[in-house]
């Protein structure tokens, strides 16, 4: 399996105030191995919670409509608003770092599964 590649766009913007806010928006544009839904949101309030993990990809749906009783769902876009440009820059760096970690984690999980037939002996 080729290495996982995640392509995304990152938009940073200043929203005039007072007080001014700083926005970071990331949108997954291509990720053949993992799919596009890589941002995890809380079902309770619909707010962005974190960049998905490999376990999140296997556990949480792409919409609350699929199962509104689950704590989380996944989406293709995330937006964070912060009161300072420094926090916005940190958020952008964190998103990049977490997406990079997800790609590596996904490769590790995917390569651990080896198709085949294995004899099982139960004592």
N, C-alpha and C. Protein backbone atom coordinates (compact mmCIF):
# COMPACT_ATOMS: atom_id res chain seq x y z
N UNK A 1 0.85 -1.17 0.00
CA UNK A 1 0.00 0.00 0.00
C UNK A 1 0.90 1.24 0.00
N UNK A 2 0.62 2.20 -0.90
CA UNK A 2 1.43 3.42 -0.91
C UNK A 2 1.20 4.23 0.37
N UNK A 3 2.19 5.03 0.70
CA UNK A 3 2.09 5.86 1.91
C UNK A 3 0.88 6.79 1.82
N UNK A 4 0.25 6.98 2.95
CA UNK A 4 -0.92 7.84 3.01
C UNK A 4 -0.53 9.30 2.83
N UNK A 5 -1.23 9.97 1.95
CA UNK A 5 -1.03 11.39 1.70
C UNK A 5 -2.35 12.10 1.98
N UNK A 6 -2.28 13.17 2.74
CA UNK A 6 -3.47 13.96 3.05
C UNK A 6 -3.25 15.37 2.50
N UNK A 7 -4.06 15.77 1.54
CA UNK A 7 -3.99 17.13 0.98
C UNK A 7 -5.10 17.97 1.61
N UNK A 8 -4.75 19.20 1.96
CA UNK A 8 -5.75 20.09 2.54
C UNK A 8 -5.40 21.54 2.24
N UNK A 9 -6.41 22.39 2.32
CA UNK A 9 -6.17 23.83 2.20
C UNK A 9 -6.30 24.43 3.58
N UNK A 10 -5.54 25.45 3.82
CA UNK A 10 -5.57 26.16 5.10
C UNK A 10 -5.80 27.63 4.81
N UNK A 11 -6.85 28.19 5.40
CA UNK A 11 -7.17 29.61 5.22
C UNK A 11 -7.08 30.29 6.57
N UNK A 12 -6.25 31.31 6.65
CA UNK A 12 -6.12 32.11 7.88
C UNK A 12 -6.70 33.49 7.58
N UNK A 13 -7.51 33.99 8.49
CA UNK A 13 -8.16 35.28 8.24
C UNK A 13 -8.30 36.06 9.55
N UNK A 14 -8.37 37.37 9.41
CA UNK A 14 -8.66 38.25 10.54
C UNK A 14 -10.10 38.71 10.41
N UNK A 15 -10.86 38.57 11.48
CA UNK A 15 -12.25 39.01 11.50
C UNK A 15 -12.29 40.28 12.34
N UNK A 16 -12.64 41.42 11.72
CA UNK A 16 -12.61 42.69 12.45
C UNK A 16 -13.51 42.67 13.68
N UNK A 17 -13.12 43.42 14.70
CA UNK A 17 -13.86 43.48 15.95
C UNK A 17 -14.59 44.78 16.08
N UNK A 18 -14.69 45.31 17.24
CA UNK A 18 -13.91 44.85 18.39
C UNK A 18 -14.60 43.71 19.13
N UNK A 19 -13.86 42.82 19.74
CA UNK A 19 -12.43 42.62 19.51
C UNK A 19 -12.22 41.81 18.24
N UNK A 20 -11.07 41.97 17.63
CA UNK A 20 -10.74 41.20 16.44
C UNK A 20 -10.59 39.73 16.80
N UNK A 21 -10.94 38.86 15.88
CA UNK A 21 -10.72 37.43 16.05
C UNK A 21 -9.90 36.93 14.88
N UNK A 22 -9.23 35.82 15.12
CA UNK A 22 -8.37 35.23 14.10
C UNK A 22 -8.87 33.84 13.80
N UNK A 23 -9.09 33.59 12.52
CA UNK A 23 -9.71 32.34 12.09
C UNK A 23 -8.70 31.46 11.37
N UNK A 24 -8.76 30.16 11.68
CA UNK A 24 -8.01 29.15 10.95
C UNK A 24 -9.03 28.15 10.45
N UNK A 25 -9.06 27.95 9.14
CA UNK A 25 -9.97 26.97 8.55
C UNK A 25 -9.18 26.00 7.69
N UNK A 26 -9.37 24.71 7.96
CA UNK A 26 -8.71 23.68 7.16
C UNK A 26 -9.79 22.84 6.49
N UNK A 27 -9.55 22.49 5.22
CA UNK A 27 -10.47 21.65 4.46
C UNK A 27 -9.67 20.54 3.79
N UNK A 28 -10.06 19.30 4.03
CA UNK A 28 -9.40 18.17 3.39
C UNK A 28 -9.86 18.14 1.93
N UNK A 29 -8.90 18.15 1.00
CA UNK A 29 -9.23 18.17 -0.42
C UNK A 29 -9.00 16.82 -1.10
N UNK A 30 -8.09 16.02 -0.57
CA UNK A 30 -7.84 14.69 -1.12
C UNK A 30 -7.11 13.84 -0.09
N UNK A 31 -7.56 12.61 0.04
CA UNK A 31 -6.90 11.65 0.91
C UNK A 31 -7.45 10.26 0.56
N UNK A 32 -6.90 9.66 -0.51
CA UNK A 32 -7.45 8.41 -1.03
C UNK A 32 -7.52 7.28 -0.01
N UNK A 33 -6.55 7.16 0.87
CA UNK A 33 -6.54 6.04 1.81
C UNK A 33 -7.51 6.24 2.98
N UNK A 34 -7.58 7.45 3.50
CA UNK A 34 -8.36 7.69 4.72
C UNK A 34 -9.75 8.24 4.46
N UNK A 35 -10.00 8.78 3.29
CA UNK A 35 -11.24 9.50 3.05
C UNK A 35 -11.09 10.95 3.49
N UNK A 36 -12.08 11.75 3.22
CA UNK A 36 -11.99 13.19 3.45
C UNK A 36 -12.42 13.63 4.86
N UNK A 37 -13.12 12.79 5.60
CA UNK A 37 -13.72 13.21 6.87
C UNK A 37 -12.73 13.00 8.01
N UNK A 38 -11.84 13.98 8.21
CA UNK A 38 -10.73 13.81 9.14
C UNK A 38 -10.77 14.75 10.35
N UNK A 39 -11.85 15.49 10.50
CA UNK A 39 -11.99 16.37 11.66
C UNK A 39 -13.14 15.88 12.52
N UNK A 40 -12.90 15.72 13.80
CA UNK A 40 -13.89 15.16 14.72
C UNK A 40 -14.59 16.28 15.48
N UNK A 41 -15.93 16.21 15.47
CA UNK A 41 -16.78 17.19 16.13
C UNK A 41 -17.58 16.53 17.25
N UNK A 42 -17.91 17.32 18.27
CA UNK A 42 -18.77 16.82 19.35
C UNK A 42 -20.22 16.85 18.88
N UNK A 43 -20.92 15.76 19.10
CA UNK A 43 -22.34 15.69 18.75
C UNK A 43 -23.16 16.61 19.63
N UNK A 44 -22.77 16.75 20.90
CA UNK A 44 -23.56 17.53 21.87
C UNK A 44 -23.74 18.99 21.47
N UNK A 45 -22.69 19.62 20.94
CA UNK A 45 -22.80 21.04 20.61
C UNK A 45 -22.35 21.36 19.18
N UNK A 46 -21.91 20.34 18.42
CA UNK A 46 -21.52 20.56 17.04
C UNK A 46 -20.21 21.29 16.85
N UNK A 47 -19.40 21.41 17.91
CA UNK A 47 -18.14 22.13 17.82
C UNK A 47 -16.98 21.20 17.49
N UNK A 48 -15.99 21.75 16.77
CA UNK A 48 -14.79 21.00 16.44
C UNK A 48 -14.09 20.57 17.73
N UNK A 49 -13.65 19.31 17.77
CA UNK A 49 -12.98 18.80 18.96
C UNK A 49 -11.51 18.49 18.69
N UNK A 50 -11.21 17.74 17.61
CA UNK A 50 -9.83 17.39 17.34
C UNK A 50 -9.69 16.80 15.93
N UNK A 51 -8.44 16.74 15.48
CA UNK A 51 -8.15 16.03 14.24
C UNK A 51 -8.34 14.55 14.54
N UNK A 52 -9.02 13.85 13.67
CA UNK A 52 -9.34 12.44 13.90
C UNK A 52 -8.09 11.58 14.05
N UNK A 53 -8.25 10.50 14.77
CA UNK A 53 -7.23 9.46 14.87
C UNK A 53 -7.68 8.29 13.98
N UNK A 54 -6.82 7.31 13.82
CA UNK A 54 -7.20 6.12 13.03
C UNK A 54 -8.40 5.43 13.69
N UNK A 55 -8.43 5.40 15.01
CA UNK A 55 -9.56 4.80 15.72
C UNK A 55 -10.85 5.59 15.46
N UNK A 56 -10.76 6.91 15.43
CA UNK A 56 -11.95 7.74 15.12
C UNK A 56 -12.50 7.40 13.74
N UNK A 57 -11.61 7.16 12.78
CA UNK A 57 -12.06 6.84 11.42
C UNK A 57 -12.87 5.56 11.39
N UNK A 58 -12.51 4.63 12.27
CA UNK A 58 -13.23 3.35 12.32
C UNK A 58 -14.46 3.40 13.21
N UNK A 59 -14.53 4.41 14.08
CA UNK A 59 -15.58 4.44 15.11
C UNK A 59 -16.70 5.42 14.81
N UNK A 60 -16.36 6.62 14.38
CA UNK A 60 -17.36 7.68 14.28
C UNK A 60 -17.84 7.92 12.85
N UNK A 61 -19.13 8.17 12.68
CA UNK A 61 -19.69 8.37 11.35
C UNK A 61 -19.37 9.76 10.79
N UNK A 62 -19.74 9.94 9.52
CA UNK A 62 -19.52 11.22 8.85
C UNK A 62 -20.64 12.20 9.08
N UNK A 63 -21.63 11.83 9.86
CA UNK A 63 -22.78 12.70 10.09
C UNK A 63 -23.48 12.28 11.38
N UNK A 64 -24.07 13.23 12.07
CA UNK A 64 -24.85 12.88 13.26
C UNK A 64 -26.12 12.15 12.88
N UNK A 65 -26.55 12.30 11.63
CA UNK A 65 -27.79 11.63 11.20
C UNK A 65 -27.63 10.10 11.22
N UNK A 66 -26.41 9.62 11.07
CA UNK A 66 -26.17 8.18 11.07
C UNK A 66 -26.42 7.58 12.45
N UNK A 67 -25.90 8.24 13.47
CA UNK A 67 -26.15 7.78 14.84
C UNK A 67 -25.99 8.96 15.80
N UNK A 68 -27.08 9.67 16.09
CA UNK A 68 -27.00 10.85 16.96
C UNK A 68 -26.66 10.53 18.41
N UNK A 69 -26.62 9.25 18.78
CA UNK A 69 -26.30 8.87 20.15
C UNK A 69 -24.80 8.78 20.40
N UNK A 70 -24.00 8.75 19.34
CA UNK A 70 -22.55 8.72 19.51
C UNK A 70 -22.05 10.09 19.97
N UNK A 71 -20.95 10.10 20.70
CA UNK A 71 -20.41 11.35 21.25
C UNK A 71 -19.80 12.25 20.19
N UNK A 72 -19.35 11.65 19.07
CA UNK A 72 -18.64 12.42 18.05
C UNK A 72 -19.11 12.03 16.65
N UNK A 73 -18.82 12.90 15.69
CA UNK A 73 -18.98 12.61 14.27
C UNK A 73 -17.83 13.30 13.55
N UNK A 74 -17.64 12.98 12.27
CA UNK A 74 -16.51 13.52 11.53
C UNK A 74 -16.97 14.42 10.37
N UNK A 75 -16.11 15.36 10.01
CA UNK A 75 -16.42 16.31 8.95
C UNK A 75 -15.16 16.58 8.13
N UNK A 76 -15.33 17.19 6.95
CA UNK A 76 -14.20 17.47 6.06
C UNK A 76 -13.51 18.80 6.34
N UNK A 77 -14.18 19.68 7.08
CA UNK A 77 -13.67 21.03 7.33
C UNK A 77 -13.71 21.35 8.80
N UNK A 78 -12.74 22.12 9.26
CA UNK A 78 -12.77 22.62 10.63
C UNK A 78 -12.43 24.11 10.62
N UNK A 79 -13.02 24.82 11.57
CA UNK A 79 -12.72 26.24 11.75
C UNK A 79 -12.52 26.50 13.23
N UNK A 80 -11.45 27.21 13.54
CA UNK A 80 -11.20 27.63 14.92
C UNK A 80 -11.05 29.15 14.94
N UNK A 81 -11.71 29.79 15.90
CA UNK A 81 -11.59 31.23 16.12
C UNK A 81 -10.80 31.45 17.40
N UNK A 82 -9.84 32.36 17.35
CA UNK A 82 -9.04 32.67 18.54
C UNK A 82 -8.96 34.18 18.72
N UNK A 83 -8.66 34.62 19.95
CA UNK A 83 -8.56 36.06 20.20
C UNK A 83 -7.21 36.66 19.82
N UNK A 84 -6.22 35.82 19.46
CA UNK A 84 -4.91 36.37 19.11
C UNK A 84 -4.33 35.67 17.88
N UNK A 85 -3.51 36.41 17.16
CA UNK A 85 -2.87 35.83 15.97
C UNK A 85 -1.88 34.74 16.37
N UNK A 86 -1.26 34.87 17.53
CA UNK A 86 -0.32 33.85 18.00
C UNK A 86 -1.02 32.51 18.18
N UNK A 87 -2.20 32.52 18.79
CA UNK A 87 -2.96 31.28 18.96
C UNK A 87 -3.38 30.71 17.61
N UNK A 88 -3.76 31.57 16.69
CA UNK A 88 -4.16 31.11 15.36
C UNK A 88 -2.99 30.43 14.65
N UNK A 89 -1.81 31.00 14.75
CA UNK A 89 -0.61 30.41 14.15
C UNK A 89 -0.32 29.06 14.79
N UNK A 90 -0.45 28.98 16.12
CA UNK A 90 -0.26 27.71 16.83
C UNK A 90 -1.29 26.68 16.38
N UNK A 91 -2.55 27.10 16.22
CA UNK A 91 -3.61 26.18 15.78
C UNK A 91 -3.30 25.62 14.39
N UNK A 92 -2.84 26.48 13.49
CA UNK A 92 -2.51 26.03 12.14
C UNK A 92 -1.38 25.00 12.18
N UNK A 93 -0.37 25.26 13.00
CA UNK A 93 0.75 24.32 13.13
C UNK A 93 0.29 23.00 13.75
N UNK A 94 -0.62 23.08 14.72
CA UNK A 94 -1.14 21.86 15.36
C UNK A 94 -1.94 21.02 14.37
N UNK A 95 -2.76 21.65 13.55
CA UNK A 95 -3.54 20.91 12.54
C UNK A 95 -2.59 20.19 11.59
N UNK A 96 -1.57 20.87 11.12
CA UNK A 96 -0.59 20.24 10.22
C UNK A 96 0.09 19.06 10.90
N UNK A 97 0.53 19.25 12.13
CA UNK A 97 1.20 18.19 12.88
C UNK A 97 0.29 16.98 13.09
N UNK A 98 -0.96 17.23 13.48
CA UNK A 98 -1.89 16.13 13.74
C UNK A 98 -2.28 15.39 12.46
N UNK A 99 -2.42 16.11 11.35
CA UNK A 99 -2.72 15.43 10.09
C UNK A 99 -1.53 14.57 9.65
N UNK A 100 -0.32 15.07 9.87
CA UNK A 100 0.88 14.28 9.57
C UNK A 100 0.92 13.03 10.44
N UNK A 101 0.61 13.19 11.72
CA UNK A 101 0.57 12.04 12.64
C UNK A 101 -0.51 11.03 12.22
N UNK A 102 -1.67 11.53 11.81
CA UNK A 102 -2.74 10.65 11.37
C UNK A 102 -2.30 9.82 10.17
N UNK A 103 -1.63 10.44 9.20
CA UNK A 103 -1.17 9.72 8.01
C UNK A 103 -0.22 8.59 8.42
N UNK A 104 0.70 8.87 9.33
CA UNK A 104 1.64 7.85 9.79
C UNK A 104 0.92 6.76 10.58
N UNK A 105 0.00 7.16 11.45
CA UNK A 105 -0.76 6.20 12.25
C UNK A 105 -1.59 5.30 11.34
N UNK A 106 -2.22 5.88 10.34
CA UNK A 106 -3.04 5.11 9.42
C UNK A 106 -2.19 4.08 8.68
N UNK A 107 -1.00 4.49 8.24
CA UNK A 107 -0.09 3.55 7.56
C UNK A 107 0.30 2.40 8.48
N UNK A 108 0.57 2.71 9.73
CA UNK A 108 0.94 1.67 10.70
C UNK A 108 -0.19 0.67 10.89
N UNK A 109 -1.40 1.18 11.07
CA UNK A 109 -2.56 0.31 11.27
C UNK A 109 -2.83 -0.52 10.01
N UNK A 110 -2.79 0.12 8.85
CA UNK A 110 -3.08 -0.57 7.59
C UNK A 110 -2.04 -1.65 7.30
N UNK A 111 -0.78 -1.40 7.61
CA UNK A 111 0.25 -2.39 7.31
C UNK A 111 0.26 -3.54 8.33
N UNK A 112 -0.38 -3.35 9.47
CA UNK A 112 -0.45 -4.42 10.48
C UNK A 112 -1.42 -5.51 10.06
N UNK A 113 -2.35 -5.19 9.20
CA UNK A 113 -3.32 -6.17 8.72
C UNK A 113 -2.75 -6.88 7.50
N UNK A 114 -2.53 -8.17 7.63
CA UNK A 114 -2.00 -8.94 6.52
C UNK A 114 -3.07 -9.94 6.07
N UNK A 115 -3.60 -9.76 4.86
CA UNK A 115 -4.63 -10.67 4.39
C UNK A 115 -4.10 -12.11 4.30
N UNK A 116 -4.94 -13.05 4.57
CA UNK A 116 -4.53 -14.44 4.47
C UNK A 116 -5.45 -15.33 5.30
N UNK A 117 -5.16 -16.61 5.26
CA UNK A 117 -5.91 -17.58 6.04
C UNK A 117 -4.98 -18.13 7.11
N UNK A 118 -5.41 -18.06 8.33
CA UNK A 118 -4.58 -18.48 9.45
C UNK A 118 -5.28 -19.56 10.25
N UNK A 119 -4.60 -20.69 10.46
CA UNK A 119 -5.22 -21.74 11.28
C UNK A 119 -5.27 -21.31 12.75
N UNK A 120 -6.38 -21.54 13.38
CA UNK A 120 -6.56 -21.21 14.79
C UNK A 120 -6.82 -22.51 15.55
N UNK A 121 -6.06 -22.72 16.61
CA UNK A 121 -6.24 -23.89 17.44
C UNK A 121 -6.68 -23.41 18.82
N UNK A 122 -7.84 -23.83 19.23
CA UNK A 122 -8.36 -23.43 20.54
C UNK A 122 -8.18 -24.61 21.47
N UNK A 123 -7.43 -24.43 22.56
CA UNK A 123 -7.21 -25.55 23.48
C UNK A 123 -8.47 -25.94 24.23
